[in-house]
Amino acid sequence: MDSVKAFQTLADDVASEIRDECFPTAEQPQTFLTGTVTSKTPYRVDTLIEDDELTLRAKVRDSKMELRFEDPRYLTQGIRKYFNPL
């Protein structure tokens, strides 16, 4: 999880710098983050997850979870809540 937190912090910083330098008068853009995490233990059933609190939509197939966050700041909480690698 430390690597995920470090990535999230870096991504937030990069996005802020680009927004401030390149689009200083623009309104806050709508962003999203997608990704796939893999477990060594396969899930038994295809599952669809929708979590409005974390702005998360996820699809689980076999040992992979495909994640989509409307607000990337919830990445760490979403992985902790829905993904168990062991």
N, C-alpha and C. Protein backbone atom coordinates (compact mmCIF):
# COMPACT_ATOMS: atom_id res chain seq x y z
N MET A 1 0.81 -1.20 0.00
CA MET A 1 0.00 0.00 0.00
C MET A 1 0.86 1.27 0.00
N ASP A 2 2.09 1.17 0.49
CA ASP A 2 2.95 2.36 0.49
C ASP A 2 3.23 2.83 -0.93
N SER A 3 3.44 1.88 -1.84
CA SER A 3 3.69 2.25 -3.24
C SER A 3 2.47 2.92 -3.85
N VAL A 4 1.28 2.43 -3.51
CA VAL A 4 0.04 3.02 -4.04
C VAL A 4 -0.12 4.44 -3.50
N LYS A 5 0.15 4.64 -2.22
CA LYS A 5 0.06 5.98 -1.63
C LYS A 5 1.05 6.93 -2.28
N ALA A 6 2.28 6.45 -2.51
CA ALA A 6 3.29 7.30 -3.14
C ALA A 6 2.87 7.67 -4.55
N PHE A 7 2.33 6.72 -5.30
CA PHE A 7 1.84 7.00 -6.65
C PHE A 7 0.72 8.01 -6.61
N GLN A 8 -0.21 7.84 -5.70
CA GLN A 8 -1.36 8.74 -5.60
C GLN A 8 -0.90 10.17 -5.29
N THR A 9 0.03 10.32 -4.38
CA THR A 9 0.56 11.64 -4.04
C THR A 9 1.25 12.28 -5.24
N LEU A 10 2.09 11.50 -5.90
CA LEU A 10 2.81 12.01 -7.07
C LEU A 10 1.83 12.40 -8.18
N ALA A 11 0.84 11.56 -8.44
CA ALA A 11 -0.14 11.85 -9.49
C ALA A 11 -0.92 13.12 -9.17
N ASP A 12 -1.31 13.31 -7.92
CA ASP A 12 -2.02 14.53 -7.51
C ASP A 12 -1.15 15.77 -7.72
N ASP A 13 0.12 15.66 -7.35
CA ASP A 13 1.04 16.78 -7.50
C ASP A 13 1.25 17.14 -8.97
N VAL A 14 1.45 16.13 -9.81
CA VAL A 14 1.65 16.36 -11.24
C VAL A 14 0.41 17.01 -11.85
N ALA A 15 -0.76 16.48 -11.53
CA ALA A 15 -2.00 17.04 -12.07
C ALA A 15 -2.18 18.49 -11.64
N SER A 16 -1.86 18.81 -10.40
CA SER A 16 -2.00 20.18 -9.91
C SER A 16 -1.05 21.13 -10.63
N GLU A 17 0.19 20.71 -10.82
CA GLU A 17 1.18 21.54 -11.51
C GLU A 17 0.77 21.81 -12.95
N ILE A 18 0.35 20.77 -13.65
CA ILE A 18 -0.07 20.94 -15.05
C ILE A 18 -1.28 21.85 -15.13
N ARG A 19 -2.24 21.66 -14.26
CA ARG A 19 -3.45 22.49 -14.26
C ARG A 19 -3.08 23.95 -14.00
N ASP A 20 -2.23 24.18 -13.00
CA ASP A 20 -1.87 25.56 -12.63
C ASP A 20 -1.04 26.24 -13.71
N GLU A 21 -0.10 25.52 -14.31
CA GLU A 21 0.80 26.11 -15.30
C GLU A 21 0.16 26.25 -16.68
N CYS A 22 -0.60 25.26 -17.10
CA CYS A 22 -1.13 25.23 -18.46
C CYS A 22 -2.56 25.76 -18.59
N PHE A 23 -3.34 25.66 -17.52
CA PHE A 23 -4.74 26.05 -17.59
C PHE A 23 -5.12 26.88 -16.36
N PRO A 24 -4.47 28.01 -16.14
CA PRO A 24 -4.70 28.76 -14.89
C PRO A 24 -6.12 29.31 -14.74
N THR A 25 -6.84 29.53 -15.83
CA THR A 25 -8.18 30.08 -15.71
C THR A 25 -9.27 29.03 -15.88
N ALA A 26 -8.88 27.80 -16.08
CA ALA A 26 -9.86 26.74 -16.31
C ALA A 26 -10.53 26.31 -15.01
N GLU A 27 -11.76 25.86 -15.14
CA GLU A 27 -12.45 25.29 -14.00
C GLU A 27 -11.84 23.93 -13.68
N GLN A 28 -12.11 23.45 -12.47
CA GLN A 28 -11.60 22.15 -12.07
C GLN A 28 -12.12 21.08 -13.03
N PRO A 29 -11.22 20.38 -13.71
CA PRO A 29 -11.68 19.35 -14.66
C PRO A 29 -12.19 18.12 -13.94
N GLN A 30 -13.03 17.38 -14.61
CA GLN A 30 -13.48 16.10 -14.08
C GLN A 30 -12.43 15.07 -14.44
N THR A 31 -11.96 14.34 -13.47
CA THR A 31 -10.91 13.36 -13.70
C THR A 31 -11.40 11.98 -13.31
N PHE A 32 -10.70 10.99 -13.78
CA PHE A 32 -10.97 9.63 -13.34
C PHE A 32 -9.70 8.82 -13.45
N LEU A 33 -9.67 7.67 -12.79
CA LEU A 33 -8.51 6.81 -12.76
C LEU A 33 -8.98 5.39 -13.01
N THR A 34 -8.29 4.68 -13.88
CA THR A 34 -8.61 3.28 -14.12
C THR A 34 -7.37 2.44 -13.86
N GLY A 35 -7.58 1.18 -13.53
CA GLY A 35 -6.46 0.29 -13.30
C GLY A 35 -6.93 -1.13 -13.07
N THR A 36 -5.99 -2.04 -13.06
CA THR A 36 -6.28 -3.46 -12.82
C THR A 36 -5.33 -3.97 -11.76
N VAL A 37 -5.86 -4.68 -10.78
CA VAL A 37 -5.03 -5.33 -9.77
C VAL A 37 -5.27 -6.83 -9.86
N THR A 38 -4.23 -7.62 -9.56
CA THR A 38 -4.29 -9.06 -9.71
C THR A 38 -4.03 -9.73 -8.37
N SER A 39 -4.80 -10.78 -8.10
CA SER A 39 -4.64 -11.57 -6.89
C SER A 39 -4.14 -12.95 -7.26
N LYS A 40 -3.43 -13.59 -6.34
CA LYS A 40 -3.01 -14.96 -6.57
C LYS A 40 -4.15 -15.94 -6.33
N THR A 41 -5.17 -15.48 -5.65
CA THR A 41 -6.33 -16.32 -5.36
C THR A 41 -7.49 -15.89 -6.25
N PRO A 42 -7.94 -16.74 -7.19
CA PRO A 42 -9.04 -16.34 -8.08
C PRO A 42 -10.36 -16.17 -7.32
N TYR A 43 -11.15 -15.20 -7.78
CA TYR A 43 -12.51 -15.06 -7.27
C TYR A 43 -13.36 -16.12 -7.94
N ARG A 44 -14.42 -16.56 -7.29
CA ARG A 44 -15.23 -17.64 -7.83
C ARG A 44 -16.29 -17.18 -8.83
N VAL A 45 -16.76 -15.94 -8.67
CA VAL A 45 -17.87 -15.47 -9.49
C VAL A 45 -17.53 -14.11 -10.08
N ASP A 46 -17.99 -13.86 -11.30
CA ASP A 46 -17.86 -12.51 -11.85
C ASP A 46 -18.70 -11.57 -11.00
N THR A 47 -18.13 -10.45 -10.64
CA THR A 47 -18.79 -9.53 -9.73
C THR A 47 -18.69 -8.12 -10.28
N LEU A 48 -19.74 -7.32 -10.09
CA LEU A 48 -19.74 -5.91 -10.43
C LEU A 48 -19.93 -5.12 -9.14
N ILE A 49 -19.06 -4.16 -8.89
CA ILE A 49 -19.12 -3.36 -7.66
C ILE A 49 -19.37 -1.91 -8.04
N GLU A 50 -20.30 -1.27 -7.35
CA GLU A 50 -20.55 0.16 -7.51
C GLU A 50 -20.61 0.77 -6.11
N ASP A 51 -19.72 1.70 -5.84
CA ASP A 51 -19.64 2.34 -4.54
C ASP A 51 -19.68 3.85 -4.75
N ASP A 52 -20.83 4.45 -4.50
CA ASP A 52 -21.00 5.89 -4.71
C ASP A 52 -20.16 6.72 -3.74
N GLU A 53 -19.96 6.22 -2.53
CA GLU A 53 -19.18 6.96 -1.54
C GLU A 53 -17.73 7.12 -2.01
N LEU A 54 -17.17 6.08 -2.61
CA LEU A 54 -15.79 6.13 -3.10
C LEU A 54 -15.70 6.45 -4.59
N THR A 55 -16.83 6.75 -5.20
CA THR A 55 -16.91 7.01 -6.65
C THR A 55 -16.23 5.90 -7.45
N LEU A 56 -16.49 4.66 -7.04
CA LEU A 56 -15.81 3.50 -7.58
C LEU A 56 -16.77 2.61 -8.36
N ARG A 57 -16.32 2.16 -9.50
CA ARG A 57 -16.98 1.11 -10.26
C ARG A 57 -15.90 0.05 -10.50
N ALA A 58 -16.19 -1.20 -10.21
CA ALA A 58 -15.19 -2.25 -10.38
C ALA A 58 -15.85 -3.50 -10.94
N LYS A 59 -15.06 -4.22 -11.72
CA LYS A 59 -15.50 -5.48 -12.28
C LYS A 59 -14.47 -6.53 -11.87
N VAL A 60 -14.94 -7.65 -11.32
CA VAL A 60 -14.04 -8.72 -10.88
C VAL A 60 -14.23 -9.91 -11.80
N ARG A 61 -13.10 -10.38 -12.35
CA ARG A 61 -13.11 -11.58 -13.18
C ARG A 61 -11.90 -12.43 -12.81
N ASP A 62 -12.14 -13.67 -12.50
CA ASP A 62 -11.06 -14.59 -12.13
C ASP A 62 -10.19 -13.95 -11.05
N SER A 63 -8.93 -13.71 -11.33
CA SER A 63 -8.05 -13.15 -10.31
C SER A 63 -7.76 -11.67 -10.52
N LYS A 64 -8.53 -11.01 -11.40
CA LYS A 64 -8.29 -9.60 -11.70
C LYS A 64 -9.48 -8.73 -11.31
N MET A 65 -9.18 -7.54 -10.81
CA MET A 65 -10.21 -6.55 -10.51
C MET A 65 -9.88 -5.31 -11.32
N GLU A 66 -10.81 -4.92 -12.18
CA GLU A 66 -10.66 -3.70 -12.98
C GLU A 66 -11.38 -2.58 -12.24
N LEU A 67 -10.65 -1.53 -11.90
CA LEU A 67 -11.17 -0.43 -11.09
C LEU A 67 -11.30 0.84 -11.90
N ARG A 68 -12.33 1.63 -11.59
CA ARG A 68 -12.49 2.96 -12.18
C ARG A 68 -13.01 3.89 -11.10
N PHE A 69 -12.22 4.92 -10.82
CA PHE A 69 -12.60 5.92 -9.81
C PHE A 69 -12.89 7.23 -10.50
N GLU A 70 -14.02 7.84 -10.17
CA GLU A 70 -14.32 9.18 -10.67
C GLU A 70 -13.39 10.20 -9.98
N ASP A 71 -13.05 9.95 -8.73
CA ASP A 71 -12.15 10.82 -7.98
C ASP A 71 -10.94 9.99 -7.56
N PRO A 72 -9.79 10.20 -8.19
CA PRO A 72 -8.60 9.40 -7.91
C PRO A 72 -8.13 9.43 -6.46
N ARG A 73 -8.57 10.40 -5.68
CA ARG A 73 -8.14 10.48 -4.28
C ARG A 73 -8.63 9.30 -3.46
N TYR A 74 -9.61 8.55 -3.97
CA TYR A 74 -10.15 7.41 -3.23
C TYR A 74 -9.49 6.09 -3.58
N LEU A 75 -8.41 6.13 -4.35
CA LEU A 75 -7.73 4.91 -4.79
C LEU A 75 -7.35 4.00 -3.63
N THR A 76 -6.64 4.53 -2.66
CA THR A 76 -6.17 3.71 -1.55
C THR A 76 -7.33 3.11 -0.77
N GLN A 77 -8.35 3.91 -0.46
CA GLN A 77 -9.48 3.40 0.30
C GLN A 77 -10.24 2.32 -0.48
N GLY A 78 -10.37 2.51 -1.78
CA GLY A 78 -11.08 1.53 -2.60
C GLY A 78 -10.37 0.20 -2.67
N ILE A 79 -9.05 0.24 -2.84
CA ILE A 79 -8.29 -1.02 -2.88
C ILE A 79 -8.37 -1.71 -1.53
N ARG A 80 -8.22 -0.96 -0.46
CA ARG A 80 -8.30 -1.58 0.87
C ARG A 80 -9.69 -2.20 1.13
N LYS A 81 -10.72 -1.52 0.68
CA LYS A 81 -12.08 -1.99 0.97
C LYS A 81 -12.47 -3.22 0.14
N TYR A 82 -12.05 -3.27 -1.13
CA TYR A 82 -12.58 -4.30 -2.03
C TYR A 82 -11.58 -5.32 -2.54
N PHE A 83 -10.29 -5.08 -2.32
CA PHE A 83 -9.31 -6.01 -2.90
C PHE A 83 -8.46 -6.62 -1.80
N ASN A 84 -8.42 -7.95 -1.78
CA ASN A 84 -7.60 -8.68 -0.82
C ASN A 84 -6.67 -9.59 -1.62
N PRO A 85 -5.38 -9.26 -1.70
CA PRO A 85 -4.48 -10.01 -2.56
C PRO A 85 -4.18 -11.43 -2.08
N LEU A 86 -4.43 -11.75 -0.82
CA LEU A 86 -4.13 -13.09 -0.32
C LEU A 86 -5.39 -13.85 0.00
